[in-house]
PDB file of N, CA and C in Angstrom:
ATOM      1  N   UNK A   1     -23.946   4.539  -0.299  1.00  0.00           N
ATOM      2  CA  UNK A   1     -23.066   4.877  -1.452  1.00  0.00           C
ATOM      3  C   UNK A   1     -21.777   3.961  -1.660  1.00  0.00           C
ATOM      4  N   UNK A   2     -21.797   3.009  -1.122  1.00  0.00           N
ATOM      5  CA  UNK A   2     -20.523   2.215  -1.061  1.00  0.00           C
ATOM      6  C   UNK A   2     -20.987   0.850  -1.574  1.00  0.00           C
ATOM      7  N   UNK A   3     -20.466   0.035  -2.521  1.00  0.00           N
ATOM      8  CA  UNK A   3     -20.915  -1.197  -3.109  1.00  0.00           C
ATOM      9  C   UNK A   3     -20.491  -2.117  -2.108  1.00  0.00           C
ATOM     10  N   UNK A   4     -21.247  -3.166  -1.926  1.00  0.00           N
ATOM     11  CA  UNK A   4     -20.661  -4.317  -1.030  1.00  0.00           C
ATOM     12  C   UNK A   4     -20.282  -5.314  -2.058  1.00  0.00           C
ATOM     13  N   UNK A   5     -18.975  -5.979  -1.485  1.00  0.00           N
ATOM     14  CA  UNK A   5     -18.184  -6.899  -2.320  1.00  0.00           C
ATOM     15  C   UNK A   5     -18.669  -8.311  -2.360  1.00  0.00           C
ATOM     16  N   UNK A   6     -19.829  -8.670  -1.437  1.00  0.00           N
ATOM     17  CA  UNK A   6     -20.214 -10.007  -1.154  1.00  0.00           C
ATOM     18  C   UNK A   6     -21.392 -10.280  -1.880  1.00  0.00           C
ATOM     19  N   UNK A   7     -21.579 -11.455  -2.402  1.00  0.00           N
ATOM     20  CA  UNK A   7     -22.824 -11.812  -2.978  1.00  0.00           C
ATOM     21  C   UNK A   7     -23.835 -12.259  -1.840  1.00  0.00           C
ATOM     22  N   UNK A   8     -23.341 -12.873  -0.701  1.00  0.00           N
ATOM     23  CA  UNK A   8     -23.877 -13.502   0.293  1.00  0.00           C
ATOM     24  C   UNK A   8     -23.604 -12.733   1.519  1.00  0.00           C
ATOM     25  N   UNK A   9     -23.317 -13.533   2.627  1.00  0.00           N
ATOM     26  CA  UNK A   9     -22.874 -12.811   3.792  1.00  0.00           C
ATOM     27  C   UNK A   9     -21.379 -12.306   3.673  1.00  0.00           C
ATOM     28  N   UNK A  10     -20.677 -11.333   4.242  1.00  0.00           N
ATOM     29  CA  UNK A  10     -19.469 -11.165   4.378  1.00  0.00           C
ATOM     30  C   UNK A  10     -18.505 -12.310   4.580  1.00  0.00           C
ATOM     31  N   UNK A  11     -17.303 -12.175   4.053  1.00  0.00           N
ATOM     32  CA  UNK A  11     -16.291 -13.199   4.276  1.00  0.00           C
ATOM     33  C   UNK A  11     -15.657 -13.013   5.679  1.00  0.00           C
ATOM     34  N   UNK A  12     -15.396 -14.008   6.589  1.00  0.00           N
ATOM     35  CA  UNK A  12     -14.588 -13.799   7.756  1.00  0.00           C
ATOM     36  C   UNK A  12     -13.353 -14.554   7.476  1.00  0.00           C
ATOM     37  N   UNK A  13     -12.299 -13.805   7.067  1.00  0.00           N
ATOM     38  CA  UNK A  13     -11.008 -14.156   6.622  1.00  0.00           C
ATOM     39  C   UNK A  13     -10.278 -14.203   8.047  1.00  0.00           C
ATOM     40  N   UNK A  14      -9.588 -15.372   8.190  1.00  0.00           N
ATOM     41  CA  UNK A  14      -8.688 -15.744   9.372  1.00  0.00           C
ATOM     42  C   UNK A  14      -7.164 -15.959   9.032  1.00  0.00           C
ATOM     43  N   UNK A  15      -6.758 -15.956   7.806  1.00  0.00           N
ATOM     44  CA  UNK A  15      -5.562 -16.196   7.567  1.00  0.00           C
ATOM     45  C   UNK A  15      -5.145 -16.097   6.058  1.00  0.00           C
ATOM     46  N   UNK A  16      -4.065 -15.852   5.572  1.00  0.00           N
ATOM     47  CA  UNK A  16      -3.673 -15.847   4.405  1.00  0.00           C
ATOM     48  C   UNK A  16      -2.179 -16.174   3.994  1.00  0.00           C
ATOM     49  N   UNK A  17      -2.098 -16.796   2.860  1.00  0.00           N
ATOM     50  CA  UNK A  17      -0.562 -17.197   2.543  1.00  0.00           C
ATOM     51  C   UNK A  17      -0.464 -17.096   0.903  1.00  0.00           C
ATOM     52  N   UNK A  18       0.764 -16.610   0.686  1.00  0.00           N
ATOM     53  CA  UNK A  18       0.921 -16.307  -0.855  1.00  0.00           C
ATOM     54  C   UNK A  18      -0.133 -15.512  -1.493  1.00  0.00           C
ATOM     55  N   UNK A  19      -0.808 -16.134  -2.510  1.00  0.00           N
ATOM     56  CA  UNK A  19      -1.836 -15.371  -3.290  1.00  0.00           C
ATOM     57  C   UNK A  19      -3.303 -15.610  -2.601  1.00  0.00           C
ATOM     58  N   UNK A  20      -3.528 -16.429  -1.724  1.00  0.00           N
ATOM     59  CA  UNK A  20      -4.730 -16.884  -0.936  1.00  0.00           C
ATOM     60  C   UNK A  20      -5.015 -16.578   0.318  1.00  0.00           C
ATOM     61  N   UNK A  21      -6.336 -16.515   0.492  1.00  0.00           N
ATOM     62  CA  UNK A  21      -6.969 -16.005   1.875  1.00  0.00           C
ATOM     63  C   UNK A  21      -7.725 -17.239   2.186  1.00  0.00           C
ATOM     64  N   UNK A  22      -7.849 -17.455   3.563  1.00  0.00           N
ATOM     65  CA  UNK A  22      -8.683 -18.552   3.998  1.00  0.00           C
ATOM     66  C   UNK A  22      -9.845 -18.130   5.001  1.00  0.00           C
ATOM     67  N   UNK A  23     -10.946 -18.634   4.815  1.00  0.00           N
ATOM     68  CA  UNK A  23     -12.097 -18.201   5.662  1.00  0.00           C
ATOM     69  C   UNK A  23     -12.216 -19.024   6.833  1.00  0.00           C
ATOM     70  N   UNK A  24     -13.030 -18.968   7.896  1.00  0.00           N
ATOM     71  CA  UNK A  24     -12.874 -19.497   9.087  1.00  0.00           C
ATOM     72  C   UNK A  24     -13.424 -20.992   8.921  1.00  0.00           C
ATOM     73  N   UNK A  25     -14.054 -21.426   7.809  1.00  0.00           N
ATOM     74  CA  UNK A  25     -14.250 -22.923   7.331  1.00  0.00           C
ATOM     75  C   UNK A  25     -13.249 -23.491   6.625  1.00  0.00           C
ATOM     76  N   UNK A  26     -11.944 -22.641   6.440  1.00  0.00           N
ATOM     77  CA  UNK A  26     -10.954 -23.269   5.588  1.00  0.00           C
ATOM     78  C   UNK A  26     -11.051 -23.129   3.995  1.00  0.00           C
ATOM     79  N   UNK A  27     -12.234 -22.502   3.593  1.00  0.00           N
ATOM     80  CA  UNK A  27     -12.229 -22.143   2.037  1.00  0.00           C
ATOM     81  C   UNK A  27     -11.370 -21.590   1.855  1.00  0.00           C
ATOM     82  N   UNK A  28     -10.648 -21.566   0.662  1.00  0.00           N
ATOM     83  CA  UNK A  28      -9.785 -20.954  -0.127  1.00  0.00           C
ATOM     84  C   UNK A  28     -10.167 -20.058  -1.028  1.00  0.00           C
ATOM     85  N   UNK A  29      -9.780 -18.761  -1.152  1.00  0.00           N
ATOM     86  CA  UNK A  29      -9.922 -17.568  -2.045  1.00  0.00           C
ATOM     87  C   UNK A  29      -8.749 -17.087  -2.568  1.00  0.00           C
ATOM     88  N   UNK A  30      -8.785 -16.947  -4.045  1.00  0.00           N
ATOM     89  CA  UNK A  30      -7.750 -16.053  -4.662  1.00  0.00           C
ATOM     90  C   UNK A  30      -7.897 -14.656  -4.364  1.00  0.00           C
ATOM     91  N   UNK A  31      -6.771 -14.005  -3.751  1.00  0.00           N
ATOM     92  CA  UNK A  31      -6.914 -12.534  -3.183  1.00  0.00           C
ATOM     93  C   UNK A  31      -6.487 -11.663  -4.357  1.00  0.00           C
ATOM     94  N   UNK A  32      -7.292 -10.879  -5.073  1.00  0.00           N
ATOM     95  CA  UNK A  32      -6.937  -9.923  -6.347  1.00  0.00           C
ATOM     96  C   UNK A  32      -7.223  -8.491  -5.733  1.00  0.00           C
ATOM     97  N   UNK A  33      -7.547  -8.344  -4.485  1.00  0.00           N
ATOM     98  CA  UNK A  33      -7.624  -6.898  -4.185  1.00  0.00           C
ATOM     99  C   UNK A  33      -6.825  -6.304  -2.995  1.00  0.00           C
ATOM    100  N   UNK A  34      -6.054  -7.205  -2.288  1.00  0.00           N
ATOM    101  CA  UNK A  34      -5.339  -6.622  -1.259  1.00  0.00           C
ATOM    102  C   UNK A  34      -4.037  -6.365  -1.236  1.00  0.00           C
ATOM    103  N   UNK A  35      -3.526  -5.776  -2.450  1.00  0.00           N
ATOM    104  CA  UNK A  35      -2.347  -5.308  -2.650  1.00  0.00           C
ATOM    105  C   UNK A  35      -1.350  -6.357  -2.447  1.00  0.00           C
ATOM    106  N   UNK A  36      -1.345  -7.668  -3.023  1.00  0.00           N
ATOM    107  CA  UNK A  36      -0.414  -8.733  -2.460  1.00  0.00           C
ATOM    108  C   UNK A  36       0.177  -9.170  -3.894  1.00  0.00           C
ATOM    109  N   UNK A  37       0.005  -8.369  -5.031  1.00  0.00           N
ATOM    110  CA  UNK A  37       0.364  -8.988  -6.265  1.00  0.00           C
ATOM    111  C   UNK A  37       1.970  -9.256  -6.324  1.00  0.00           C
ATOM    112  N   UNK A  38       2.772  -8.433  -5.637  1.00  0.00           N
ATOM    113  CA  UNK A  38       3.940  -8.554  -5.797  1.00  0.00           C
ATOM    114  C   UNK A  38       4.811  -9.684  -5.080  1.00  0.00           C
ATOM    115  N   UNK A  39       4.347  -9.724  -3.695  1.00  0.00           N
ATOM    116  CA  UNK A  39       4.957 -10.966  -3.004  1.00  0.00           C
ATOM    117  C   UNK A  39       4.092 -11.936  -2.304  1.00  0.00           C
ATOM    118  N   UNK A  40       2.647 -11.371  -2.265  1.00  0.00           N
ATOM    119  CA  UNK A  40       1.734 -12.320  -1.468  1.00  0.00           C
ATOM    120  C   UNK A  40       1.835 -12.051   0.010  1.00  0.00           C
ATOM    121  N   UNK A  41       0.973 -12.886   0.504  1.00  0.00           N
ATOM    122  CA  UNK A  41       0.715 -12.804   2.012  1.00  0.00           C
ATOM    123  C   UNK A  41       1.635 -13.532   2.676  1.00  0.00           C
ATOM    124  N   UNK A  42       2.273 -13.056   3.918  1.00  0.00           N
ATOM    125  CA  UNK A  42       3.104 -13.954   4.705  1.00  0.00           C
ATOM    126  C   UNK A  42       4.545 -14.204   3.935  1.00  0.00           C
ATOM    127  N   UNK A  43       4.832 -13.631   3.077  1.00  0.00           N
ATOM    128  CA  UNK A  43       6.185 -14.002   2.381  1.00  0.00           C
ATOM    129  C   UNK A  43       7.161 -13.814   3.552  1.00  0.00           C
ATOM    130  N   UNK A  44       8.201 -14.742   3.612  1.00  0.00           N
ATOM    131  CA  UNK A  44       8.837 -14.814   4.614  1.00  0.00           C
ATOM    132  C   UNK A  44      10.004 -13.805   4.859  1.00  0.00           C
ATOM    133  N   UNK A  45      10.387 -13.333   3.530  1.00  0.00           N
ATOM    134  CA  UNK A  45      11.403 -12.043   3.437  1.00  0.00           C
ATOM    135  C   UNK A  45      10.710 -11.024   3.909  1.00  0.00           C
ATOM    136  N   UNK A  46       9.527 -10.697   3.663  1.00  0.00           N
ATOM    137  CA  UNK A  46       8.860  -9.490   4.116  1.00  0.00           C
ATOM    138  C   UNK A  46       8.559  -9.682   5.586  1.00  0.00           C
ATOM    139  N   UNK A  47       8.128 -10.805   6.131  1.00  0.00           N
ATOM    140  CA  UNK A  47       7.830 -10.938   7.429  1.00  0.00           C
ATOM    141  C   UNK A  47       8.942 -10.596   8.286  1.00  0.00           C
ATOM    142  N   UNK A  48      10.237 -11.189   7.871  1.00  0.00           N
ATOM    143  CA  UNK A  48      11.479 -11.017   8.571  1.00  0.00           C
ATOM    144  C   UNK A  48      11.949  -9.491   8.624  1.00  0.00           C
ATOM    145  N   UNK A  49      11.724  -8.856   7.515  1.00  0.00           N
ATOM    146  CA  UNK A  49      12.094  -7.500   7.271  1.00  0.00           C
ATOM    147  C   UNK A  49      11.197  -6.749   8.218  1.00  0.00           C
ATOM    148  N   UNK A  50       9.930  -7.015   8.227  1.00  0.00           N
ATOM    149  CA  UNK A  50       8.955  -6.193   9.154  1.00  0.00           C
ATOM    150  C   UNK A  50       9.169  -6.307  10.442  1.00  0.00           C
ATOM    151  N   UNK A  51       9.385  -7.801  10.735  1.00  0.00           N
ATOM    152  CA  UNK A  51       9.946  -7.844  12.081  1.00  0.00           C
ATOM    153  C   UNK A  51      10.963  -7.098  12.681  1.00  0.00           C
ATOM    154  N   UNK A  52      11.972  -7.322  11.925  1.00  0.00           N
ATOM    155  CA  UNK A  52      13.288  -6.612  12.321  1.00  0.00           C
ATOM    156  C   UNK A  52      13.104  -4.856  12.413  1.00  0.00           C
ATOM    157  N   UNK A  53      12.277  -4.540  11.709  1.00  0.00           N
ATOM    158  CA  UNK A  53      11.853  -2.982  11.804  1.00  0.00           C
ATOM    159  C   UNK A  53      11.042  -2.800  12.906  1.00  0.00           C
ATOM    160  N   UNK A  54      10.081  -3.533  13.239  1.00  0.00           N
ATOM    161  CA  UNK A  54       9.292  -3.285  14.333  1.00  0.00           C
ATOM    162  C   UNK A  54       9.892  -3.605  15.870  1.00  0.00           C
ATOM    163  N   UNK A  55      10.987  -4.620  15.607  1.00  0.00           N
ATOM    164  CA  UNK A  55      11.849  -4.528  16.808  1.00  0.00           C
ATOM    165  C   UNK A  55      12.672  -3.191  17.087  1.00  0.00           C
ATOM    166  N   UNK A  56      13.091  -2.547  16.137  1.00  0.00           N
ATOM    167  CA  UNK A  56      13.713  -1.266  16.286  1.00  0.00           C
ATOM    168  C   UNK A  56      12.722   0.051  16.344  1.00  0.00           C
ATOM    169  N   UNK A  57      11.735   0.101  15.651  1.00  0.00           N
ATOM    170  CA  UNK A  57      10.868   1.204  15.614  1.00  0.00           C
ATOM    171  C   UNK A  57       9.635   0.947  14.910  1.00  0.00           C
ATOM    172  N   UNK A  58       8.390   0.953  15.534  1.00  0.00           N
ATOM    173  CA  UNK A  58       7.258   0.832  14.753  1.00  0.00           C
ATOM    174  C   UNK A  58       6.261   2.209  14.812  1.00  0.00           C
ATOM    175  N   UNK A  59       6.623   2.741  13.773  1.00  0.00           N
ATOM    176  CA  UNK A  59       5.711   3.984  13.491  1.00  0.00           C
ATOM    177  C   UNK A  59       5.549   4.158  11.855  1.00  0.00           C
ATOM    178  N   UNK A  60       4.760   5.171  11.548  1.00  0.00           N
ATOM    179  CA  UNK A  60       4.824   5.543  10.038  1.00  0.00           C
ATOM    180  C   UNK A  60       5.791   6.559   9.769  1.00  0.00           C
ATOM    181  N   UNK A  61       5.656   7.149   8.639  1.00  0.00           N
ATOM    182  CA  UNK A  61       6.738   8.007   8.011  1.00  0.00           C
ATOM    183  C   UNK A  61       6.595   9.466   8.363  1.00  0.00           C
ATOM    184  N   UNK A  62       5.614   9.621   9.227  1.00  0.00           N
ATOM    185  CA  UNK A  62       5.478  11.033   9.666  1.00  0.00           C
ATOM    186  C   UNK A  62       6.933  11.735  10.493  1.00  0.00           C
ATOM    187  N   UNK A  63       7.474  10.789  11.015  1.00  0.00           N
ATOM    188  CA  UNK A  63       8.852  11.206  11.514  1.00  0.00           C
ATOM    189  C   UNK A  63      10.126  10.915  10.957  1.00  0.00           C
ATOM    190  N   UNK A  64      11.129  11.720  11.108  1.00  0.00           N
ATOM    191  CA  UNK A  64      12.310  11.308  10.303  1.00  0.00           C
ATOM    192  C   UNK A  64      13.034  10.211  10.679  1.00  0.00           C
ATOM    193  N   UNK A  65      13.577   9.342   9.749  1.00  0.00           N
ATOM    194  CA  UNK A  65      14.486   8.206  10.105  1.00  0.00           C
ATOM    195  C   UNK A  65      15.148   7.940   8.992  1.00  0.00           C
ATOM    196  N   UNK A  66      16.511   7.561   9.199  1.00  0.00           N
ATOM    197  CA  UNK A  66      17.436   7.408   8.159  1.00  0.00           C
ATOM    198  C   UNK A  66      17.153   6.161   7.079  1.00  0.00           C
ATOM    199  N   UNK A  67      16.146   5.156   7.586  1.00  0.00           N
ATOM    200  CA  UNK A  67      15.902   4.451   6.658  1.00  0.00           C
ATOM    201  C   UNK A  67      14.978   4.916   5.697  1.00  0.00           C
ATOM    202  N   UNK A  68      14.035   5.885   5.846  1.00  0.00           N
ATOM    203  CA  UNK A  68      13.230   6.571   4.914  1.00  0.00           C
ATOM    204  C   UNK A  68      14.173   7.278   3.822  1.00  0.00           C
ATOM    205  N   UNK A  69      15.265   7.753   4.379  1.00  0.00           N
ATOM    206  CA  UNK A  69      16.064   8.321   3.480  1.00  0.00           C
ATOM    207  C   UNK A  69      16.732   7.460   2.631  1.00  0.00           C
ATOM    208  N   UNK A  70      17.363   6.636   3.093  1.00  0.00           N
ATOM    209  CA  UNK A  70      18.082   5.557   2.499  1.00  0.00           C
ATOM    210  C   UNK A  70      17.166   4.748   1.340  1.00  0.00           C
ATOM    211  N   UNK A  71      15.966   4.489   1.794  1.00  0.00           N
ATOM    212  CA  UNK A  71      15.007   3.904   0.782  1.00  0.00           C
ATOM    213  C   UNK A  71      14.695   4.814  -0.290  1.00  0.00           C
ATOM    214  N   UNK A  72      14.512   6.006  -0.040  1.00  0.00           N
ATOM    215  CA  UNK A  72      14.197   7.036  -1.093  1.00  0.00           C
ATOM    216  C   UNK A  72      15.398   7.070  -2.118  1.00  0.00           C
ATOM    217  N   UNK A  73      16.620   7.036  -1.521  1.00  0.00           N
ATOM    218  CA  UNK A  73      17.844   7.245  -2.431  1.00  0.00           C
ATOM    219  C   UNK A  73      17.903   5.939  -3.251  1.00  0.00           C
ATOM    220  N   UNK A  74      17.821   4.671  -2.535  1.00  0.00           N
ATOM    221  CA  UNK A  74      17.778   3.551  -3.648  1.00  0.00           C
ATOM    222  C   UNK A  74      16.769   3.356  -4.511  1.00  0.00           C
ATOM    223  N   UNK A  75      15.751   3.907  -4.062  1.00  0.00           N
ATOM    224  CA  UNK A  75      14.358   3.919  -5.256  1.00  0.00           C
ATOM    225  C   UNK A  75      14.721   4.914  -6.414  1.00  0.00           C
ATOM    226  N   UNK A  76      14.931   6.164  -5.918  1.00  0.00           N
ATOM    227  CA  UNK A  76      15.251   7.107  -7.123  1.00  0.00           C
ATOM    228  C   UNK A  76      16.500   7.030  -7.698  1.00  0.00           C
ATOM    229  N   UNK A  77      17.394   6.127  -7.484  1.00  0.00           N
ATOM    230  CA  UNK A  77      18.405   5.850  -8.209  1.00  0.00           C
ATOM    231  C   UNK A  77      18.100   4.704  -9.262  1.00  0.00           C
ATOM    232  N   UNK A  78      16.944   4.197  -9.231  1.00  0.00           N
ATOM    233  CA  UNK A  78      16.721   3.301 -10.211  1.00  0.00           C
ATOM    234  C   UNK A  78      15.623   3.864 -11.234  1.00  0.00           C
ATOM    235  N   UNK A  79      15.341   5.080 -11.061  1.00  0.00           N
ATOM    236  CA  UNK A  79      14.164   5.996 -11.982  1.00  0.00           C
ATOM    237  C   UNK A  79      14.978   7.192 -12.714  1.00  0.00           C
ATOM    238  N   UNK A  80      14.264   7.754 -13.777  1.00  0.00           N
ATOM    239  CA  UNK A  80      14.730   8.860 -14.387  1.00  0.00           C
ATOM    240  C   UNK A  80      14.930  10.076 -13.443  1.00  0.00           C
ATOM    241  N   UNK A  81      15.776  11.043 -13.856  1.00  0.00           N
ATOM    242  CA  UNK A  81      16.286  11.967 -13.080  1.00  0.00           C
ATOM    243  C   UNK A  81      14.966  12.910 -12.897  1.00  0.00           C
ATOM    244  N   UNK A  82      14.127  13.095 -13.493  1.00  0.00           N
ATOM    245  CA  UNK A  82      12.803  13.649 -13.289  1.00  0.00           C
ATOM    246  C   UNK A  82      12.163  13.153 -12.006  1.00  0.00           C
ATOM    247  N   UNK A  83      12.170  11.874 -11.815  1.00  0.00           N
ATOM    248  CA  UNK A  83      11.652  11.245 -10.771  1.00  0.00           C
ATOM    249  C   UNK A  83      12.259  11.092  -9.633  1.00  0.00           C
ATOM    250  N   UNK A  84      12.697  12.393  -9.079  1.00  0.00           N
ATOM    251  CA  UNK A  84      13.749  12.185  -7.861  1.00  0.00           C
ATOM    252  C   UNK A  84      13.148  12.510  -6.683  1.00  0.00           C
ATOM    253  N   UNK A  85      11.814  12.685  -6.524  1.00  0.00           N
ATOM    254  CA  UNK A  85      11.419  13.283  -5.353  1.00  0.00           C
ATOM    255  C   UNK A  85      10.360  11.837  -4.666  1.00  0.00           C
ATOM    256  N   UNK A  86      10.325  11.798  -3.494  1.00  0.00           N
ATOM    257  CA  UNK A  86       9.557  10.555  -3.066  1.00  0.00           C
ATOM    258  C   UNK A  86       8.508  11.057  -2.048  1.00  0.00           C
ATOM    259  N   UNK A  87       7.328  10.679  -2.013  1.00  0.00           N
ATOM    260  CA  UNK A  87       6.213  10.912  -1.081  1.00  0.00           C
ATOM    261  C   UNK A  87       5.883   9.649  -0.551  1.00  0.00           C
ATOM    262  N   UNK A  88       6.212   9.478   0.791  1.00  0.00           N
ATOM    263  CA  UNK A  88       5.702   8.338   1.356  1.00  0.00           C
ATOM    264  C   UNK A  88       4.344   8.419   2.061  1.00  0.00           C
ATOM    265  N   UNK A  89       3.248   7.394   1.661  1.00  0.00           N
ATOM    266  CA  UNK A  89       1.927   7.618   1.993  1.00  0.00           C
ATOM    267  C   UNK A  89       1.461   6.136   2.733  1.00  0.00           C
ATOM    268  N   UNK A  90       0.720   6.119   3.592  1.00  0.00           N
ATOM    269  CA  UNK A  90       0.006   4.854   4.290  1.00  0.00           C
ATOM    270  C   UNK A  90      -0.810   4.179   3.455  1.00  0.00           C
ATOM    271  N   UNK A  91      -1.536   4.680   2.409  1.00  0.00           N
ATOM    272  CA  UNK A  91      -2.548   3.873   1.763  1.00  0.00           C
ATOM    273  C   UNK A  91      -2.890   4.503   0.304  1.00  0.00           C
ATOM    274  N   UNK A  92      -3.599   3.920  -0.319  1.00  0.00           N
ATOM    275  CA  UNK A  92      -4.115   4.260  -1.735  1.00  0.00           C
ATOM    276  C   UNK A  92      -4.863   5.495  -1.698  1.00  0.00           C
ATOM    277  N   UNK A  93      -5.690   5.710  -0.635  1.00  0.00           N
ATOM    278  CA  UNK A  93      -6.565   6.814  -0.346  1.00  0.00           C
ATOM    279  C   UNK A  93      -5.666   7.948  -0.075  1.00  0.00           C
ATOM    280  N   UNK A  94      -4.749   7.859   0.699  1.00  0.00           N
ATOM    281  CA  UNK A  94      -3.644   8.798   0.934  1.00  0.00           C
ATOM    282  C   UNK A  94      -2.968   9.350  -0.228  1.00  0.00           C
ATOM    283  N   UNK A  95      -2.522   8.269  -1.106  1.00  0.00           N
ATOM    284  CA  UNK A  95      -1.874   8.642  -2.231  1.00  0.00           C
ATOM    285  C   UNK A  95      -2.755   9.453  -3.252  1.00  0.00           C
ATOM    286  N   UNK A  96      -4.024   8.899  -3.498  1.00  0.00           N
ATOM    287  CA  UNK A  96      -5.075   9.817  -4.183  1.00  0.00           C
ATOM    288  C   UNK A  96      -5.200  11.348  -3.753  1.00  0.00           C
ATOM    289  N   UNK A  97      -5.339  11.543  -2.395  1.00  0.00           N
ATOM    290  CA  UNK A  97      -5.525  12.629  -1.838  1.00  0.00           C
ATOM    291  C   UNK A  97      -4.182  13.543  -2.307  1.00  0.00           C
ATOM    292  N   UNK A  98      -2.936  12.954  -1.980  1.00  0.00           N
ATOM    293  CA  UNK A  98      -1.777  13.721  -2.160  1.00  0.00           C
ATOM    294  C   UNK A  98      -1.834  14.194  -3.758  1.00  0.00           C
ATOM    295  N   UNK A  99      -2.159  13.160  -4.621  1.00  0.00           N
ATOM    296  CA  UNK A  99      -1.988  13.444  -5.956  1.00  0.00           C
ATOM    297  C   UNK A  99      -2.970  14.571  -6.399  1.00  0.00           C
ATOM    298  N   UNK A 100      -4.171  14.603  -5.627  1.00  0.00           N
ATOM    299  CA  UNK A 100      -5.072  15.592  -6.262  1.00  0.00           C
ATOM    300  C   UNK A 100      -4.497  16.900  -5.660  1.00  0.00           C
ATOM    301  N   UNK A 101      -3.791  17.108  -4.402  1.00  0.00           N
ATOM    302  CA  UNK A 101      -3.375  18.073  -3.801  1.00  0.00           C
ATOM    303  C   UNK A 101      -2.185  18.653  -4.559  1.00  0.00           C
ATOM    304  N   UNK A 102      -1.439  17.849  -5.150  1.00  0.00           N
ATOM    305  CA  UNK A 102      -0.282  18.204  -5.854  1.00  0.00           C
ATOM    306  C   UNK A 102      -0.541  18.869  -7.316  1.00  0.00           C
ATOM    307  N   UNK A 103      -1.365  18.007  -7.911  1.00  0.00           N
ATOM    308  CA  UNK A 103      -1.978  18.684  -9.058  1.00  0.00           C
ATOM    309  C   UNK A 103      -2.651  19.878  -8.901  1.00  0.00           C
ATOM    310  N   UNK A 104      -3.665  20.155  -7.922  1.00  0.00           N
ATOM    311  CA  UNK A 104      -4.267  21.281  -7.736  1.00  0.00           C
ATOM    312  C   UNK A 104      -3.367  22.488  -7.438  1.00  0.00           C
ATOM    313  N   UNK A 105      -2.340  21.983  -6.741  1.00  0.00           N
ATOM    314  CA  UNK A 105      -1.193  23.279  -6.458  1.00  0.00           C
ATOM    315  C   UNK A 105      -0.383  23.579  -7.534  1.00  0.00           C
ATOM    316  N   UNK A 106      -0.115  22.657  -8.407  1.00  0.00           N
ATOM    317  CA  UNK A 106       0.591  22.728  -9.807  1.00  0.00           C
ATOM    318  C   UNK A 106      -0.233  23.493 -10.691  1.00  0.00           C
ATOM    319  N   UNK A 107      -1.423  23.264 -10.918  1.00  0.00           N
ATOM    320  CA  UNK A 107      -2.377  23.725 -11.990  1.00  0.00           C
ATOM    321  C   UNK A 107      -3.165  24.886 -11.735  1.00  0.00           C
ATOM    322  N   UNK A 108      -3.568  24.848 -10.216  1.00  0.00           N
ATOM    323  CA  UNK A 108      -4.353  25.914  -9.809  1.00  0.00           C
ATOM    324  C   UNK A 108      -5.994  25.644 -10.148  1.00  0.00           C
ATOM    325  N   UNK A 109      -6.046  24.464 -10.727  1.00  0.00           N
ATOM    326  CA  UNK A 109      -7.476  24.093 -10.922  1.00  0.00           C
ATOM    327  C   UNK A 109      -8.054  23.450  -9.900  1.00  0.00           C
ATOM    328  N   UNK A 110      -9.290  23.527  -9.659  1.00  0.00           N
ATOM    329  CA  UNK A 110     -10.082  22.698  -8.521  1.00  0.00           C
ATOM    330  C   UNK A 110     -11.042  21.488  -9.197  1.00  0.00           C
ATOM    331  N   UNK A 111     -11.175  21.585 -10.736  1.00  0.00           N
ATOM    332  CA  UNK A 111     -12.032  20.454 -11.332  1.00  0.00           C
ATOM    333  C   UNK A 111     -11.428  18.994 -11.122  1.00  0.00           C
ATOM    334  N   UNK A 112     -12.098  18.196 -11.191  1.00  0.00           N
ATOM    335  CA  UNK A 112     -11.441  16.723 -11.142  1.00  0.00           C
ATOM    336  C   UNK A 112     -12.607  15.809 -11.938  1.00  0.00           C
ATOM    337  N   UNK A 113     -12.036  14.903 -12.838  1.00  0.00           N
ATOM    338  CA  UNK A 113     -12.763  14.037 -13.528  1.00  0.00           C
ATOM    339  C   UNK A 113     -12.394  12.818 -12.939  1.00  0.00           C
ATOM    340  N   UNK A 114     -13.432  11.739 -12.738  1.00  0.00           N
ATOM    341  CA  UNK A 114     -12.863  10.486 -12.502  1.00  0.00           C
ATOM    342  C   UNK A 114     -13.721   9.595 -13.384  1.00  0.00           C
ATOM    343  N   UNK A 115     -13.235   8.237 -13.409  1.00  0.00           N
ATOM    344  CA  UNK A 115     -13.862   7.243 -14.039  1.00  0.00           C
ATOM    345  C   UNK A 115     -14.325   6.165 -13.213  1.00  0.00           C
ATOM    346  N   UNK A 116     -15.370   5.333 -13.305  1.00  0.00           N
ATOM    347  CA  UNK A 116     -15.756   4.387 -12.543  1.00  0.00           C
ATOM    348  C   UNK A 116     -15.265   3.165 -13.075  1.00  0.00           C
TER     349      UNK A 116
END
């Protein structure tokens, strides 16, 4: 039930930089699917910020932490008043699951339409 993305053998990606990924043979591939459209792989600012955070605490958002609150405040300050609540999730799958649960809770309907 899951499509394979590869015409031949699966790619063995060993590193990435910017918008490119590299396989074990050094072949370069443009990454169009791994959520790197904003800053790319291995962006120095992101690596530095992630390292700084991991030196302090390496966990997800299930626990309370001041950084989550500060980030939510900074983010919502850029948005219209109606968009004043943040839900932090780990992945697109979690985001979709949460969106479905919120919609069902709000409307009370169980039906879903999806497009391929």
